[in-house]
C-alpha cells in the first residue's frame, strides 16, 4: 500500500489551499443552484476538474448532474448515463458527478489510482464498462482500508491541523493530498 512521508504530506498540504477553497465553493453551491443554467458553477466545476470537453458534452453532463440531485445516482448509473448521452465510457467524470453529489464517494483520477496501484481498463478492452465498474468498487475498498490505516489517519490529522475550519469529508482530505503527491 502507498505510504507517503510526512514531508510529502506537508508539501501537498501547502499546495492545496487554493484547490480546497475551490472545492468548498462547489460543494456549497451544487445543491443550491440549477447546474444546467448556473454558468458560474459550470465554469468553476470545469476549471476545478479540468473538464476539456465541448459545449454539447458539458450540457449533457450538467443536465445529468441536475437530474441526479433529486434521486441520487451511483457510479454504475452515472457511467451508463454518460455513455448513453455522449457515446463514451467516462469513468473519471462519472465518479466526479457522483462525488460532487455524495462527497463520501471517491473520484477516479490517474494520480490517485497510481497510489493504490490500480488502472482503468484500456479503450479496446472487452467488457470495459463492467471492468470499470469493478475498478470503482476496488477503489472504494482501497480508500476504506487506507483511511483506517496509520497513513490515512496521519494524513487526516495533518490536514485537520493545517485546515482546522475545512468542513469536508475525510475521504476528500485524503483525495486532495494524494492528488498533490502524484507518485511515479
Protein backbone atom coordinates (compact mmCIF):
# COMPACT_ATOMS: atom_id res chain seq x y z
CA UNK A 1 0.00 0.00 0.00
CA UNK A 2 1.12 3.55 -0.70
CA UNK A 3 2.88 5.16 2.27
CA UNK A 4 3.53 8.90 1.86
CA UNK A 5 6.20 10.50 4.01
CA UNK A 6 5.46 13.33 6.43
CA UNK A 7 7.41 15.68 4.15
CA UNK A 8 5.34 14.65 1.10
CA UNK A 9 2.14 15.25 3.04
CA UNK A 10 3.35 18.64 4.32
CA UNK A 11 4.27 19.77 0.79
CA UNK A 12 0.93 18.54 -0.56
CA UNK A 13 -0.95 20.42 2.16
CA UNK A 14 0.94 23.62 1.29
CA UNK A 15 -0.07 23.32 -2.37
CA UNK A 16 -3.75 22.61 -1.92
CA UNK A 17 -5.00 25.82 -0.26
CA UNK A 18 -6.45 27.23 -3.48
CA UNK A 19 -7.92 23.91 -4.59
CA UNK A 20 -9.53 23.37 -1.20
CA UNK A 21 -11.28 26.74 -1.45
CA UNK A 22 -12.50 25.98 -4.97
CA UNK A 23 -13.76 22.55 -3.87
CA UNK A 24 -15.60 24.02 -0.88
CA UNK A 25 -17.26 26.64 -3.11
CA UNK A 26 -18.52 23.92 -5.49
CA UNK A 27 -19.85 21.78 -2.66
CA UNK A 28 -21.59 24.73 -1.01
CA UNK A 29 -23.28 25.68 -4.28
CA UNK A 30 -24.16 22.41 -6.06
CA UNK A 31 -27.40 21.68 -4.22
CA UNK A 32 -28.49 25.33 -4.09
CA UNK A 33 -28.38 26.09 -7.81
CA UNK A 34 -29.59 24.66 -11.06
CA UNK A 35 -26.33 23.38 -12.51
CA UNK A 36 -27.79 23.34 -16.03
CA UNK A 37 -28.18 27.13 -16.01
CA UNK A 38 -25.68 28.38 -13.43
CA UNK A 39 -22.77 29.39 -15.66
CA UNK A 40 -20.57 30.34 -12.70
CA UNK A 41 -20.95 26.85 -11.22
CA UNK A 42 -20.22 25.28 -14.61
CA UNK A 43 -17.16 27.47 -15.15
CA UNK A 44 -15.73 26.69 -11.73
CA UNK A 45 -16.54 22.98 -11.96
CA UNK A 46 -14.89 22.63 -15.35
CA UNK A 47 -11.82 24.53 -14.12
CA UNK A 48 -11.51 22.55 -10.88
CA UNK A 49 -11.98 19.16 -12.51
CA UNK A 50 -10.18 20.11 -15.73
CA UNK A 51 -13.11 19.28 -18.00
CA UNK A 52 -11.86 19.53 -21.55
CA UNK A 53 -14.98 18.62 -23.47
CA UNK A 54 -17.12 20.53 -25.97
CA UNK A 55 -20.23 22.51 -25.03
CA UNK A 56 -22.62 19.72 -26.09
CA UNK A 57 -20.84 17.22 -23.83
CA UNK A 58 -20.89 19.71 -20.92
CA UNK A 59 -24.59 20.44 -21.46
CA UNK A 60 -25.39 16.71 -21.26
CA UNK A 61 -23.17 16.25 -18.22
CA UNK A 62 -24.68 19.12 -16.23
CA UNK A 63 -28.21 18.02 -17.17
CA UNK A 64 -27.39 14.56 -15.81
CA UNK A 65 -25.97 16.10 -12.65
CA UNK A 66 -29.06 18.24 -12.14
CA UNK A 67 -31.40 15.31 -12.75
CA UNK A 68 -29.40 13.17 -10.31
CA UNK A 69 -29.70 15.67 -7.47
CA UNK A 70 -33.22 14.66 -6.51
CA UNK A 71 -32.84 10.88 -6.51
CA UNK A 72 -29.10 10.47 -6.31
CA UNK A 73 -27.05 8.25 -8.55
CA UNK A 74 -24.42 5.61 -8.07
CA UNK A 75 -21.27 5.17 -10.13
CA UNK A 76 -22.71 2.49 -12.39
CA UNK A 77 -25.79 4.59 -13.20
CA UNK A 78 -23.71 7.71 -13.85
CA UNK A 79 -21.27 5.81 -16.06
CA UNK A 80 -24.11 4.33 -18.12
CA UNK A 81 -25.99 7.64 -18.38
CA UNK A 82 -22.88 9.47 -19.60
CA UNK A 83 -22.22 6.71 -22.10
CA UNK A 84 -25.82 6.90 -23.39
CA UNK A 85 -25.67 10.67 -23.83
CA UNK A 86 -22.10 11.05 -25.12
CA UNK A 87 -21.23 7.62 -26.52
CA UNK A 88 -18.15 7.39 -24.30
CA UNK A 89 -17.24 5.49 -21.15
CA UNK A 90 -16.13 8.35 -18.93
CA UNK A 91 -15.09 6.77 -15.64
CA UNK A 92 -13.40 9.85 -14.23
CA UNK A 93 -16.33 12.16 -14.98
CA UNK A 94 -18.91 9.66 -13.75
CA UNK A 95 -17.02 9.49 -10.45
CA UNK A 96 -16.76 13.30 -10.27
CA UNK A 97 -20.51 13.61 -10.75
CA UNK A 98 -21.18 11.02 -8.04
CA UNK A 99 -18.63 12.50 -5.61
CA UNK A 100 -19.99 16.03 -6.14
CA UNK A 101 -23.46 14.90 -5.14
CA UNK A 102 -22.22 12.47 -2.45
CA UNK A 103 -18.91 13.74 -1.04
CA UNK A 104 -18.35 10.46 0.80
CA UNK A 105 -17.57 8.82 -2.56
CA UNK A 106 -14.12 8.78 -4.22
CA UNK A 107 -13.09 10.29 -7.52
CA UNK A 108 -11.30 8.26 -10.17
CA UNK A 109 -8.13 10.10 -11.04
CA UNK A 110 -4.97 8.75 -12.63
CA UNK A 111 -2.75 10.09 -9.82
CA UNK A 112 -4.92 8.59 -7.09
CA UNK A 113 -5.24 5.30 -8.98
CA UNK A 114 -1.44 5.10 -9.07
CA UNK A 115 -1.31 5.47 -5.28
CA UNK A 116 -3.49 2.39 -4.98
CA UNK A 117 -1.80 0.52 -7.85
CA UNK A 118 -4.98 0.47 -9.91
CA UNK A 119 -5.51 1.12 -13.63
CA UNK A 120 -8.54 1.78 -15.76
CA UNK A 121 -9.18 -0.83 -18.44
CA UNK A 122 -7.85 0.15 -21.87
CA UNK A 123 -10.18 1.57 -24.52
CA UNK A 124 -10.34 -1.62 -26.55
CA UNK A 125 -10.72 -3.94 -23.55
CA UNK A 126 -13.62 -6.41 -23.75
CA UNK A 127 -16.23 -5.79 -21.04
CA UNK A 128 -14.67 -2.38 -20.41
CA UNK A 129 -17.80 -0.94 -18.79
CA UNK A 130 -18.16 -3.87 -16.39
CA UNK A 131 -14.44 -3.78 -15.55
CA UNK A 132 -14.61 -0.03 -14.95
CA UNK A 133 -17.49 -0.53 -12.50
CA UNK A 134 -15.46 -3.26 -10.77
CA UNK A 135 -12.46 -0.93 -10.60
CA UNK A 136 -14.57 1.73 -8.88
CA UNK A 137 -15.62 -0.85 -6.30
CA UNK A 138 -11.95 -1.74 -5.76
CA UNK A 139 -11.11 1.96 -5.37
CA UNK A 140 -13.82 2.35 -2.73
CA UNK A 141 -12.41 -0.63 -0.83
CA UNK A 142 -8.84 0.68 -1.13
CA UNK A 143 -9.94 4.05 0.23
CA UNK A 144 -11.74 2.39 3.14
CA UNK A 145 -8.62 0.43 4.01
CA UNK A 146 -6.31 3.40 3.58
CA UNK A 147 -8.48 5.72 5.66
CA UNK A 148 -8.30 3.24 8.56
CA UNK A 149 -4.54 2.76 8.17
CA UNK A 150 -1.91 4.69 10.14
CA UNK A 151 -1.01 6.61 6.95
CA UNK A 152 -4.63 7.58 6.34
CA UNK A 153 -5.01 8.73 9.95
CA UNK A 154 -1.74 10.68 9.64
CA UNK A 155 -2.97 12.49 6.51
CA UNK A 156 -6.30 13.37 8.10
CA UNK A 157 -4.68 14.61 11.30
CA UNK A 158 -2.13 16.72 9.43
CA UNK A 159 -4.90 18.07 7.18
CA UNK A 160 -7.04 18.99 10.19
CA UNK A 161 -4.09 20.69 11.85
CA UNK A 162 -3.34 22.72 8.72
CA UNK A 163 -7.00 23.46 7.82
CA UNK A 164 -8.97 23.29 11.10
CA UNK A 165 -12.01 25.07 9.64
CA UNK A 166 -12.31 22.96 6.48
CA UNK A 167 -15.60 21.15 6.81
CA UNK A 168 -15.09 18.38 4.26
CA UNK A 169 -15.37 14.60 4.35
CA UNK A 170 -12.33 12.58 5.44
CA UNK A 171 -12.15 10.85 2.05
CA UNK A 172 -11.80 14.23 0.34
CA UNK A 173 -8.98 15.24 2.69
CA UNK A 174 -7.09 12.15 1.63
CA UNK A 175 -8.06 12.58 -2.03
CA UNK A 176 -6.79 16.17 -2.16
CA UNK A 177 -3.48 15.20 -0.56
CA UNK A 178 -2.94 12.13 -2.73
CA UNK A 179 -3.71 14.14 -5.86
CA UNK A 180 -1.00 16.62 -4.88
CA UNK A 181 1.60 13.93 -4.14
CA UNK A 182 1.33 12.32 -7.61
CA UNK A 183 3.52 9.25 -7.15
CA UNK A 184 5.53 7.85 -10.05
